[in-house]
Amino acid sequence: MRHIFTSLILCGLLAACAVVPKPSESVPPGDGAQAMRPKARPDGLNTTPAKRPPANATTAAQFDTTSAAEKTAAVEAAKEATQKGEGKALGVTVASLGDPAQPGLWIKTPLVKTAAKGRVVYGKNGKAVELDLIPLDGPASAGSRMSLAALRVVEAPLTDLSEVQVFVN
């Protein structure tokens, strides 16, 4: 019994030696407080505000608020750019479903360093869509995240990792 009591006292004394920051101490500016702020998108991207999905959305159709007209225009623009040979090929990336609550046609990819307009082509069926290219930190070999609407337009499976070719305009 005496050993248990002595052990508990020693553990308590050891815990009291821990360094605990004072409540008045704060993180100095520039040491991470500013690094986590989101960057504003360039004016050329998302010129029309996209409709946010409803709070009670549960299906892909409910989360996908991009209109049929917007999708058709994006497909036609991609088809025209492909026929004219426009755009610079950036490479192939493996894309997964991005945040389904973030509306619009976009891909977040490490293949771009600055936001731009471009297109992706889904290799399995050749379907393409024009969308916003948004930089994603990481090596160029890292994967990408694609919007729900864009994945649905190119008819890629929402639950798979799909290879897409990325072009910048």
N, C-alpha and C. Protein backbone atom coordinates (compact mmCIF):
# COMPACT_ATOMS: atom_id res chain seq x y z
N MET A 1 0.83 -1.18 0.00
CA MET A 1 0.00 0.00 0.00
C MET A 1 0.87 1.25 0.00
N ARG A 2 1.96 1.17 0.77
CA ARG A 2 2.85 2.32 0.86
C ARG A 2 3.49 2.61 -0.50
N HIS A 3 3.77 1.58 -1.30
CA HIS A 3 4.38 1.76 -2.63
C HIS A 3 3.41 2.45 -3.59
N ILE A 4 2.17 2.09 -3.51
CA ILE A 4 1.16 2.72 -4.38
C ILE A 4 1.04 4.20 -4.03
N PHE A 5 0.98 4.50 -2.74
CA PHE A 5 0.85 5.89 -2.30
C PHE A 5 2.07 6.70 -2.74
N THR A 6 3.25 6.14 -2.58
CA THR A 6 4.49 6.83 -2.97
C THR A 6 4.52 7.04 -4.48
N SER A 7 4.08 6.05 -5.25
CA SER A 7 4.05 6.18 -6.71
C SER A 7 3.11 7.29 -7.16
N LEU A 8 1.95 7.38 -6.53
CA LEU A 8 0.99 8.43 -6.87
C LEU A 8 1.55 9.81 -6.57
N ILE A 9 2.24 9.96 -5.46
CA ILE A 9 2.84 11.26 -5.10
C ILE A 9 3.92 11.62 -6.11
N LEU A 10 4.75 10.67 -6.49
CA LEU A 10 5.81 10.94 -7.48
C LEU A 10 5.22 11.32 -8.84
N CYS A 11 4.15 10.66 -9.27
CA CYS A 11 3.50 11.02 -10.53
C CYS A 11 2.93 12.43 -10.48
N GLY A 12 2.35 12.79 -9.36
CA GLY A 12 1.81 14.14 -9.19
C GLY A 12 2.90 15.20 -9.24
N LEU A 13 4.03 14.93 -8.58
CA LEU A 13 5.15 15.87 -8.61
C LEU A 13 5.73 16.00 -10.01
N LEU A 14 5.83 14.89 -10.70
CA LEU A 14 6.35 14.91 -12.07
C LEU A 14 5.43 15.70 -13.00
N ALA A 15 4.13 15.53 -12.85
CA ALA A 15 3.17 16.27 -13.66
C ALA A 15 3.24 17.76 -13.38
N ALA A 16 3.56 18.15 -12.17
CA ALA A 16 3.65 19.56 -11.81
C ALA A 16 4.85 20.23 -12.49
N CYS A 17 5.79 19.44 -12.96
CA CYS A 17 6.98 20.00 -13.62
C CYS A 17 6.72 20.38 -15.07
N ALA A 18 5.57 20.03 -15.59
CA ALA A 18 5.27 20.32 -17.00
C ALA A 18 5.20 21.82 -17.23
N VAL A 19 5.66 22.25 -18.40
CA VAL A 19 5.62 23.66 -18.77
C VAL A 19 4.26 23.96 -19.38
N VAL A 20 3.52 24.82 -18.76
CA VAL A 20 2.20 25.19 -19.24
C VAL A 20 2.24 26.67 -19.61
N PRO A 21 1.88 27.02 -20.86
CA PRO A 21 1.93 28.43 -21.26
C PRO A 21 0.92 29.25 -20.47
N LYS A 22 1.30 30.48 -20.20
CA LYS A 22 0.41 31.40 -19.49
C LYS A 22 -0.70 31.85 -20.43
N PRO A 23 -1.89 32.08 -19.94
CA PRO A 23 -2.99 32.50 -20.81
C PRO A 23 -2.71 33.81 -21.54
N SER A 24 -1.85 34.66 -20.98
CA SER A 24 -1.58 35.94 -21.62
C SER A 24 -0.66 35.81 -22.83
N GLU A 25 0.05 34.66 -22.94
CA GLU A 25 0.92 34.46 -24.09
C GLU A 25 0.09 34.16 -25.32
N SER A 26 0.41 34.75 -26.45
CA SER A 26 -0.32 34.49 -27.69
C SER A 26 0.67 34.23 -28.81
N VAL A 27 0.16 33.73 -29.89
CA VAL A 27 1.00 33.47 -31.06
C VAL A 27 1.32 34.80 -31.71
N PRO A 28 2.62 35.11 -31.90
CA PRO A 28 2.95 36.37 -32.55
C PRO A 28 2.49 36.39 -33.99
N PRO A 29 2.09 37.57 -34.50
CA PRO A 29 1.63 37.65 -35.89
C PRO A 29 2.72 37.18 -36.85
N GLY A 30 2.30 36.46 -37.90
CA GLY A 30 3.24 36.00 -38.89
C GLY A 30 3.79 34.61 -38.60
N ASP A 31 3.52 34.06 -37.43
CA ASP A 31 3.99 32.72 -37.09
C ASP A 31 2.93 31.67 -37.33
N GLY A 32 2.15 31.82 -38.37
CA GLY A 32 1.14 30.83 -38.67
C GLY A 32 -0.26 31.41 -38.64
N ALA A 33 -0.44 32.51 -37.90
CA ALA A 33 -1.77 33.10 -37.81
C ALA A 33 -2.22 33.60 -39.19
N GLN A 34 -1.31 34.17 -39.95
CA GLN A 34 -1.64 34.70 -41.27
C GLN A 34 -1.55 33.61 -42.35
N ALA A 35 -0.76 32.57 -42.12
CA ALA A 35 -0.53 31.55 -43.14
C ALA A 35 -1.80 30.76 -43.47
N MET A 36 -2.75 30.71 -42.58
CA MET A 36 -3.93 29.90 -42.78
C MET A 36 -5.07 30.68 -43.44
N ARG A 37 -4.87 31.94 -43.74
CA ARG A 37 -5.92 32.73 -44.37
C ARG A 37 -6.11 32.29 -45.82
N PRO A 38 -7.35 32.14 -46.27
CA PRO A 38 -7.58 31.76 -47.67
C PRO A 38 -7.19 32.89 -48.60
N LYS A 39 -6.76 32.50 -49.80
CA LYS A 39 -6.38 33.49 -50.81
C LYS A 39 -7.59 33.80 -51.67
N ALA A 40 -7.72 35.06 -52.04
CA ALA A 40 -8.83 35.46 -52.91
C ALA A 40 -8.60 34.91 -54.31
N ARG A 41 -9.69 34.52 -54.96
CA ARG A 41 -9.59 34.03 -56.34
C ARG A 41 -9.40 35.21 -57.28
N PRO A 42 -8.67 34.98 -58.37
CA PRO A 42 -8.53 36.04 -59.37
C PRO A 42 -9.89 36.42 -59.94
N ASP A 43 -10.00 37.64 -60.42
CA ASP A 43 -11.26 38.15 -60.94
C ASP A 43 -11.80 37.34 -62.10
N GLY A 44 -10.93 36.71 -62.89
CA GLY A 44 -11.37 35.98 -64.07
C GLY A 44 -12.07 34.66 -63.77
N LEU A 45 -11.96 34.18 -62.55
CA LEU A 45 -12.56 32.89 -62.20
C LEU A 45 -13.89 33.10 -61.50
N ASN A 46 -14.82 32.21 -61.76
CA ASN A 46 -16.13 32.23 -61.12
C ASN A 46 -16.76 33.62 -61.18
N THR A 47 -16.98 34.10 -62.39
CA THR A 47 -17.53 35.43 -62.56
C THR A 47 -18.99 35.51 -62.15
N THR A 48 -19.70 34.40 -62.17
CA THR A 48 -21.08 34.39 -61.69
C THR A 48 -21.13 33.56 -60.42
N PRO A 49 -21.76 34.10 -59.38
CA PRO A 49 -21.81 33.34 -58.14
C PRO A 49 -22.62 32.06 -58.31
N ALA A 50 -22.05 30.97 -57.88
CA ALA A 50 -22.73 29.68 -57.98
C ALA A 50 -23.68 29.50 -56.81
N LYS A 51 -24.76 28.83 -57.08
CA LYS A 51 -25.76 28.57 -56.06
C LYS A 51 -25.26 27.49 -55.11
N ARG A 52 -25.30 27.75 -53.82
CA ARG A 52 -24.88 26.79 -52.82
C ARG A 52 -25.93 25.68 -52.70
N PRO A 53 -25.51 24.46 -52.42
CA PRO A 53 -26.48 23.38 -52.23
C PRO A 53 -27.30 23.60 -50.96
N PRO A 54 -28.50 23.05 -50.90
CA PRO A 54 -29.30 23.21 -49.69
C PRO A 54 -28.64 22.50 -48.51
N ALA A 55 -28.93 22.98 -47.31
CA ALA A 55 -28.33 22.42 -46.10
C ALA A 55 -28.71 20.96 -45.89
N ASN A 56 -29.88 20.55 -46.38
CA ASN A 56 -30.33 19.18 -46.17
C ASN A 56 -30.04 18.28 -47.38
N ALA A 57 -29.13 18.68 -48.26
CA ALA A 57 -28.79 17.89 -49.44
C ALA A 57 -28.18 16.56 -49.03
N THR A 58 -28.61 15.49 -49.71
CA THR A 58 -28.08 14.16 -49.41
C THR A 58 -27.68 13.39 -50.66
N THR A 59 -28.17 13.78 -51.82
CA THR A 59 -27.86 13.07 -53.05
C THR A 59 -26.95 13.91 -53.94
N ALA A 60 -26.30 13.25 -54.89
CA ALA A 60 -25.43 13.98 -55.82
C ALA A 60 -26.22 15.02 -56.60
N ALA A 61 -27.43 14.70 -57.00
CA ALA A 61 -28.26 15.65 -57.75
C ALA A 61 -28.60 16.87 -56.91
N GLN A 62 -28.81 16.69 -55.61
CA GLN A 62 -29.11 17.83 -54.74
C GLN A 62 -27.87 18.70 -54.51
N PHE A 63 -26.70 18.08 -54.41
CA PHE A 63 -25.47 18.84 -54.20
C PHE A 63 -25.03 19.56 -55.47
N ASP A 64 -25.33 19.01 -56.63
CA ASP A 64 -24.92 19.59 -57.90
C ASP A 64 -25.89 20.71 -58.29
N THR A 65 -25.48 21.95 -58.01
CA THR A 65 -26.35 23.10 -58.28
C THR A 65 -25.98 23.81 -59.58
N THR A 66 -25.02 23.28 -60.33
CA THR A 66 -24.64 23.87 -61.61
C THR A 66 -25.76 23.60 -62.61
N SER A 67 -26.20 24.64 -63.28
CA SER A 67 -27.34 24.50 -64.19
C SER A 67 -26.96 23.72 -65.45
N ALA A 68 -27.97 23.19 -66.10
CA ALA A 68 -27.76 22.45 -67.34
C ALA A 68 -27.15 23.36 -68.40
N ALA A 69 -27.56 24.63 -68.43
CA ALA A 69 -27.02 25.59 -69.40
C ALA A 69 -25.53 25.83 -69.16
N GLU A 70 -25.14 25.95 -67.89
CA GLU A 70 -23.73 26.15 -67.56
C GLU A 70 -22.90 24.93 -67.97
N LYS A 71 -23.43 23.75 -67.73
CA LYS A 71 -22.72 22.52 -68.10
C LYS A 71 -22.59 22.41 -69.61
N THR A 72 -23.67 22.71 -70.33
CA THR A 72 -23.64 22.64 -71.80
C THR A 72 -22.62 23.63 -72.35
N ALA A 73 -22.61 24.84 -71.82
CA ALA A 73 -21.65 25.85 -72.28
C ALA A 73 -20.22 25.40 -72.02
N ALA A 74 -19.97 24.78 -70.87
CA ALA A 74 -18.62 24.31 -70.53
C ALA A 74 -18.19 23.16 -71.43
N VAL A 75 -19.12 22.28 -71.77
CA VAL A 75 -18.81 21.17 -72.67
C VAL A 75 -18.52 21.69 -74.07
N GLU A 76 -19.34 22.64 -74.55
CA GLU A 76 -19.15 23.21 -75.89
C GLU A 76 -17.82 23.96 -75.98
N ALA A 77 -17.48 24.72 -74.93
CA ALA A 77 -16.21 25.45 -74.93
C ALA A 77 -15.03 24.48 -74.96
N ALA A 78 -15.13 23.39 -74.21
CA ALA A 78 -14.05 22.39 -74.20
C ALA A 78 -13.95 21.70 -75.55
N LYS A 79 -15.09 21.40 -76.16
CA LYS A 79 -15.10 20.74 -77.47
C LYS A 79 -14.46 21.65 -78.52
N GLU A 80 -14.81 22.92 -78.48
CA GLU A 80 -14.26 23.89 -79.44
C GLU A 80 -12.75 24.03 -79.25
N ALA A 81 -12.31 24.13 -77.99
CA ALA A 81 -10.88 24.27 -77.72
C ALA A 81 -10.11 23.02 -78.17
N THR A 82 -10.71 21.86 -77.99
CA THR A 82 -10.07 20.62 -78.42
C THR A 82 -9.94 20.57 -79.93
N GLN A 83 -11.01 20.94 -80.64
CA GLN A 83 -11.00 20.91 -82.10
C GLN A 83 -9.97 21.89 -82.67
N LYS A 84 -9.81 23.03 -82.03
CA LYS A 84 -8.85 24.03 -82.50
C LYS A 84 -7.44 23.74 -82.02
N GLY A 85 -7.29 22.76 -81.12
CA GLY A 85 -5.95 22.45 -80.59
C GLY A 85 -5.45 23.51 -79.63
N GLU A 86 -6.36 24.22 -79.00
CA GLU A 86 -5.98 25.28 -78.07
C GLU A 86 -5.60 24.71 -76.72
N GLY A 87 -4.86 25.48 -75.98
CA GLY A 87 -4.48 25.10 -74.63
C GLY A 87 -3.17 24.34 -74.60
N LYS A 88 -2.57 24.38 -73.45
CA LYS A 88 -1.30 23.69 -73.23
C LYS A 88 -1.56 22.51 -72.29
N ALA A 89 -1.13 21.34 -72.70
CA ALA A 89 -1.29 20.15 -71.85
C ALA A 89 -0.36 20.26 -70.65
N LEU A 90 -0.92 20.11 -69.46
CA LEU A 90 -0.12 20.17 -68.24
C LEU A 90 0.26 18.78 -67.74
N GLY A 91 -0.53 17.78 -68.12
CA GLY A 91 -0.23 16.43 -67.70
C GLY A 91 -1.48 15.68 -67.28
N VAL A 92 -1.26 14.48 -66.81
CA VAL A 92 -2.35 13.62 -66.34
C VAL A 92 -2.30 13.59 -64.82
N THR A 93 -3.47 13.64 -64.21
CA THR A 93 -3.56 13.58 -62.75
C THR A 93 -4.68 12.63 -62.36
N VAL A 94 -4.59 12.11 -61.18
CA VAL A 94 -5.64 11.26 -60.63
C VAL A 94 -6.55 12.16 -59.81
N ALA A 95 -7.80 12.22 -60.21
CA ALA A 95 -8.75 13.12 -59.55
C ALA A 95 -9.75 12.33 -58.72
N SER A 96 -10.01 12.85 -57.54
CA SER A 96 -11.05 12.30 -56.68
C SER A 96 -12.10 13.39 -56.49
N LEU A 97 -13.21 13.03 -55.90
CA LEU A 97 -14.27 14.00 -55.64
C LEU A 97 -13.80 15.01 -54.61
N GLY A 98 -13.93 16.29 -54.96
CA GLY A 98 -13.62 17.35 -54.02
C GLY A 98 -14.81 17.62 -53.11
N ASP A 99 -14.81 18.78 -52.48
CA ASP A 99 -15.89 19.15 -51.56
C ASP A 99 -17.20 19.25 -52.33
N PRO A 100 -18.16 18.36 -52.09
CA PRO A 100 -19.40 18.39 -52.86
C PRO A 100 -20.25 19.62 -52.55
N ALA A 101 -19.99 20.29 -51.44
CA ALA A 101 -20.75 21.49 -51.10
C ALA A 101 -20.19 22.73 -51.79
N GLN A 102 -19.03 22.61 -52.44
CA GLN A 102 -18.46 23.75 -53.16
C GLN A 102 -18.97 23.70 -54.60
N PRO A 103 -19.84 24.64 -54.96
CA PRO A 103 -20.47 24.60 -56.28
C PRO A 103 -19.53 25.00 -57.40
N GLY A 104 -19.97 24.71 -58.62
CA GLY A 104 -19.24 25.15 -59.80
C GLY A 104 -18.47 24.04 -60.48
N LEU A 105 -17.77 24.43 -61.54
CA LEU A 105 -16.94 23.52 -62.33
C LEU A 105 -15.48 23.89 -62.07
N TRP A 106 -14.77 23.06 -61.35
CA TRP A 106 -13.40 23.35 -60.95
C TRP A 106 -12.62 22.07 -60.70
N ILE A 107 -11.29 22.21 -60.71
CA ILE A 107 -10.39 21.15 -60.28
C ILE A 107 -9.27 21.82 -59.49
N LYS A 108 -8.99 21.29 -58.32
CA LYS A 108 -7.85 21.75 -57.52
C LYS A 108 -6.73 20.76 -57.81
N THR A 109 -5.65 21.29 -58.37
CA THR A 109 -4.57 20.42 -58.83
C THR A 109 -3.20 21.04 -58.59
N PRO A 110 -2.20 20.22 -58.28
CA PRO A 110 -0.85 20.74 -58.13
C PRO A 110 -0.17 21.00 -59.48
N LEU A 111 -0.87 20.73 -60.58
CA LEU A 111 -0.29 20.97 -61.91
C LEU A 111 -0.25 22.45 -62.26
N VAL A 112 -0.98 23.29 -61.52
CA VAL A 112 -0.95 24.74 -61.77
C VAL A 112 -0.45 25.45 -60.52
N LYS A 113 0.23 26.55 -60.74
CA LYS A 113 0.74 27.36 -59.62
C LYS A 113 -0.10 28.60 -59.39
N THR A 114 -0.86 29.01 -60.42
CA THR A 114 -1.77 30.14 -60.28
C THR A 114 -3.12 29.74 -60.87
N ALA A 115 -4.17 30.34 -60.36
CA ALA A 115 -5.51 30.02 -60.84
C ALA A 115 -5.67 30.45 -62.30
N ALA A 116 -6.38 29.63 -63.06
CA ALA A 116 -6.57 29.91 -64.49
C ALA A 116 -7.79 29.15 -64.99
N LYS A 117 -8.17 29.44 -66.22
CA LYS A 117 -9.21 28.67 -66.91
C LYS A 117 -8.53 27.55 -67.69
N GLY A 118 -9.21 26.44 -67.82
CA GLY A 118 -8.64 25.32 -68.56
C GLY A 118 -9.70 24.27 -68.81
N ARG A 119 -9.26 23.07 -69.12
CA ARG A 119 -10.20 21.98 -69.34
C ARG A 119 -9.57 20.67 -68.90
N VAL A 120 -10.44 19.70 -68.64
CA VAL A 120 -9.98 18.35 -68.35
C VAL A 120 -10.67 17.41 -69.33
N VAL A 121 -9.96 16.33 -69.65
CA VAL A 121 -10.50 15.29 -70.53
C VAL A 121 -10.40 13.98 -69.76
N TYR A 122 -11.54 13.31 -69.63
CA TYR A 122 -11.58 12.01 -68.96
C TYR A 122 -11.21 10.96 -70.00
N GLY A 123 -10.10 10.30 -69.81
CA GLY A 123 -9.54 9.40 -70.81
C GLY A 123 -10.39 8.19 -71.15
N LYS A 124 -11.19 7.70 -70.23
CA LYS A 124 -11.95 6.48 -70.49
C LYS A 124 -13.05 6.67 -71.52
N ASN A 125 -13.59 7.89 -71.63
CA ASN A 125 -14.66 8.11 -72.61
C ASN A 125 -14.40 9.33 -73.51
N GLY A 126 -13.32 10.06 -73.26
CA GLY A 126 -12.97 11.20 -74.09
C GLY A 126 -13.78 12.46 -73.83
N LYS A 127 -14.67 12.45 -72.84
CA LYS A 127 -15.49 13.63 -72.57
C LYS A 127 -14.65 14.70 -71.88
N ALA A 128 -14.93 15.97 -72.24
CA ALA A 128 -14.16 17.08 -71.74
C ALA A 128 -15.08 18.17 -71.20
N VAL A 129 -14.54 18.98 -70.30
CA VAL A 129 -15.29 20.10 -69.74
C VAL A 129 -14.32 21.25 -69.45
N GLU A 130 -14.76 22.46 -69.73
CA GLU A 130 -13.97 23.64 -69.38
C GLU A 130 -14.30 24.00 -67.94
N LEU A 131 -13.26 24.34 -67.18
CA LEU A 131 -13.46 24.62 -65.77
C LEU A 131 -12.37 25.53 -65.23
N ASP A 132 -12.47 25.85 -63.94
CA ASP A 132 -11.46 26.65 -63.26
C ASP A 132 -10.37 25.72 -62.75
N LEU A 133 -9.12 26.09 -63.01
CA LEU A 133 -7.96 25.36 -62.48
C LEU A 133 -7.50 26.11 -61.24
N ILE A 134 -7.53 25.44 -60.12
CA ILE A 134 -7.19 26.06 -58.84
C ILE A 134 -5.94 25.37 -58.29
N PRO A 135 -4.93 26.15 -57.91
CA PRO A 135 -3.69 25.54 -57.40
C PRO A 135 -3.94 24.75 -56.11
N LEU A 136 -3.21 23.65 -55.98
CA LEU A 136 -3.26 22.81 -54.79
C LEU A 136 -1.82 22.54 -54.39
N ASP A 137 -1.48 22.80 -53.15
CA ASP A 137 -0.11 22.57 -52.69
C ASP A 137 0.25 21.10 -52.79
N GLY A 138 1.47 20.85 -53.17
CA GLY A 138 1.97 19.48 -53.26
C GLY A 138 2.77 19.28 -54.53
N PRO A 139 3.44 18.15 -54.62
CA PRO A 139 4.21 17.86 -55.83
C PRO A 139 3.27 17.60 -57.00
N ALA A 140 3.78 17.80 -58.21
CA ALA A 140 2.97 17.61 -59.42
C ALA A 140 2.43 16.19 -59.53
N SER A 141 3.09 15.24 -58.89
CA SER A 141 2.63 13.85 -58.96
C SER A 141 1.50 13.55 -57.97
N ALA A 142 1.17 14.53 -57.13
CA ALA A 142 0.08 14.32 -56.16
C ALA A 142 -1.26 14.34 -56.89
N GLY A 143 -2.26 13.83 -56.27
CA GLY A 143 -3.58 13.78 -56.87
C GLY A 143 -4.29 15.13 -56.85
N SER A 144 -5.44 15.17 -57.48
CA SER A 144 -6.24 16.38 -57.59
C SER A 144 -7.63 16.13 -57.04
N ARG A 145 -8.36 17.22 -56.80
CA ARG A 145 -9.74 17.14 -56.35
C ARG A 145 -10.61 17.87 -57.36
N MET A 146 -11.65 17.20 -57.79
CA MET A 146 -12.51 17.74 -58.84
C MET A 146 -13.92 17.95 -58.31
N SER A 147 -14.58 18.98 -58.81
CA SER A 147 -15.93 19.28 -58.34
C SER A 147 -16.92 18.20 -58.75
N LEU A 148 -17.97 18.10 -57.97
CA LEU A 148 -19.04 17.14 -58.25
C LEU A 148 -19.62 17.38 -59.64
N ALA A 149 -19.89 18.64 -59.96
CA ALA A 149 -20.48 18.96 -61.26
C ALA A 149 -19.56 18.55 -62.41
N ALA A 150 -18.26 18.80 -62.28
CA ALA A 150 -17.31 18.45 -63.35
C ALA A 150 -17.22 16.93 -63.52
N LEU A 151 -17.18 16.20 -62.42
CA LEU A 151 -17.14 14.74 -62.52
C LEU A 151 -18.39 14.21 -63.19
N ARG A 152 -19.54 14.80 -62.89
CA ARG A 152 -20.78 14.35 -63.50
C ARG A 152 -20.81 14.67 -64.99
N VAL A 153 -20.26 15.81 -65.39
CA VAL A 153 -20.26 16.20 -66.80
C VAL A 153 -19.43 15.23 -67.63
N VAL A 154 -18.25 14.85 -67.12
CA VAL A 154 -17.40 13.94 -67.89
C VAL A 154 -17.76 12.48 -67.63
N GLU A 155 -18.78 12.27 -66.84
CA GLU A 155 -19.31 10.93 -66.52
C GLU A 155 -18.27 10.02 -65.89
N ALA A 156 -17.46 10.59 -65.00
CA ALA A 156 -16.50 9.80 -64.23
C ALA A 156 -17.20 9.31 -62.96
N PRO A 157 -16.88 8.13 -62.49
CA PRO A 157 -17.50 7.63 -61.25
C PRO A 157 -17.14 8.53 -60.07
N LEU A 158 -18.12 8.84 -59.26
CA LEU A 158 -17.91 9.75 -58.14
C LEU A 158 -17.08 9.13 -57.02
N THR A 159 -17.07 7.82 -56.94
CA THR A 159 -16.37 7.15 -55.84
C THR A 159 -15.03 6.56 -56.25
N ASP A 160 -14.62 6.75 -57.49
CA ASP A 160 -13.35 6.20 -57.98
C ASP A 160 -12.28 7.28 -58.03
N LEU A 161 -11.06 6.83 -58.25
CA LEU A 161 -9.96 7.73 -58.57
C LEU A 161 -9.83 7.70 -60.09
N SER A 162 -10.14 8.81 -60.72
CA SER A 162 -10.20 8.87 -62.18
C SER A 162 -9.02 9.64 -62.74
N GLU A 163 -8.39 9.09 -63.78
CA GLU A 163 -7.30 9.79 -64.46
C GLU A 163 -7.89 10.77 -65.46
N VAL A 164 -7.47 12.03 -65.36
CA VAL A 164 -7.90 13.05 -66.30
C VAL A 164 -6.68 13.79 -66.82
N GLN A 165 -6.76 14.23 -68.06
CA GLN A 165 -5.70 15.06 -68.63
C GLN A 165 -6.11 16.50 -68.45
N VAL A 166 -5.16 17.32 -68.01
CA VAL A 166 -5.43 18.72 -67.68
C VAL A 166 -4.76 19.63 -68.70
N PHE A 167 -5.53 20.61 -69.20
CA PHE A 167 -5.03 21.62 -70.13
C PHE A 167 -5.29 23.00 -69.54
N VAL A 168 -4.41 23.92 -69.79
CA VAL A 168 -4.62 25.31 -69.39
C VAL A 168 -4.84 26.13 -70.67
N ASN A 169 -5.78 27.08 -70.62
CA ASN A 169 -6.06 27.92 -71.81
C ASN A 169 -4.95 28.94 -72.01
